[in-house]
Amino acid sequence: MTPLQIASIILVLAAASGCVNYFFLRLPSSIGIMVIALVGSMIVLGIDHLHPGLHLAEQTRDLVSAMELSGSLLDGMLGLLLFAGALHVSLSDLRREALAVFLMATLGVALSTVIVGLGFSWVTGMPLLIALVFGALISPTDPVAVLGILREAKIRNSLEIKIAGESLFNDGVGYVVFLLLIGLAFPAADAHGAGAFDLASAVTLFLREAVGGGVLGLALGWGVFRLMRRIDDYALEVMLTLALALGGYELALALGVSAPIMAVVAGLMIGNVGRRDAMSDETRRYVDGFWQLIDEILNAALFLMIGMEIFQLDVTRTTLLFMGAAIGLALAARLASVALPILLLYPIRREGRDVVPLMTWGGLKGGISVALALSLPASDWKDPILAATYAVVVFSILVQGLTLGPLARRLMRDRAHSPGP
């Protein structure tokens, strides 16, 4: 199939799933679409089991393989999603929460990677470096579904900014840590220094990716901002933002710097400095509307693809045990990665009692984790890692995502009726 045919099938299925969710399930849009895709996939597997001559599972598996979730997300969709998310984050609000966001997106990701890696290695017998790769790919959180749920619960702005800011930056940091560990665990497959990857190379890679991505995003964002200041044509200005997100992401990949961090920094630049000093009211309305639509459409497609990725799994009895262990480890690591930064900040800033439980339970995993698992080099451990990743992502979206709203409302009521911060 051609890329256009594949994109057409994905959009048709996402739109159909969205309609079913709207009329019947009434779940948050992204979660509803994934539920329908997951249930539909299981029905296809059941029919194929009862009537193997139909070859439905084989045909669907070919379609899912053709979708190439890993390449589609990491080489294109992720840049648009991160740019769209950063576009609506206030720099002034983010600055007030900068220390907490920085600690959770750096120290938190590192701590989560180590906890999951050590635990998964102990449970499965997997080599430690490969288990740490799993820890890195499962640590980033996905802000898409959780922010919509928390807004409906009307949480305070400071907590919303912590969740949004951390989610935007830990995607980029987690990706860099993943690349670093891939180079150590699979040196022959590493694109940044085949066969000669050591600690010095790892540090160099981290600095080049993280700092380089930030500098590139700042430079490109500033350049587009200067252009937009001299233009008063909403259609052209919307096109410039799209060119920045897509072209900048591809340029970052070509230069070997972090494309996700580039997208976040460029989005913050345009969404704050550009919105304030370079856009008319009309341009703001069109830019906001355009990127909101891009965000909704891509997330519908992404969650549909996640639901259908079940066809890529090779599940055995042993793998099921690994999947259960991975869910428990991911939750424990998330708790530690939130609680430690909050504890370190306690002498200078006391947070509300609801921050740790809400940010722990609200640390939903998403498409980037599945995409990174799919991108792993071939090995005996790839299938168990993919199955464990899928279990954590589905559990976080379905169980955590659907119970987060009630938890937020309950904690807010308790906070309102109790003394303290």
Foldseek 3Di string as FASTA:
>chain_A
DDPVVLVVVLLVLLVVQQVCCVVPVVDPSLLSLLVVLQVVLVVQVVVCVVPVVVCSLVVLLVSLVVNLLLCCCLQFLLLLQLLLLLLQAEPVLCVVCVLLLVLLLAVLLVLQLQLQLVLLCVLPVDPSLVSSLLSLLQRAFDVVLLLVLVVVLVDDPNLSSSLSSNNLRSLLVSVLVNLLSLCVVPQCPRPQHRPDRDPVNSVVLNCCAQVVLLVLLQVLLVVLLVVLQVDADLVVNLVSSVCCSNVSLNVCVVVSYRSSNSSNNSSNSCSYVSVVRRYDPVSVVVNNVVSVVSNSSSSSSFSSSLSSCVSVADDDPSLVVSLVSLQVSSLVSLLCSNVVSQVVCCVPDHDDPVSSVLSSLSRAHGSSSLSSLVPRDDDPCSRSSNSNSSSNNSCSCPVSSVCSNVSSNVVVVVRVPDDDD
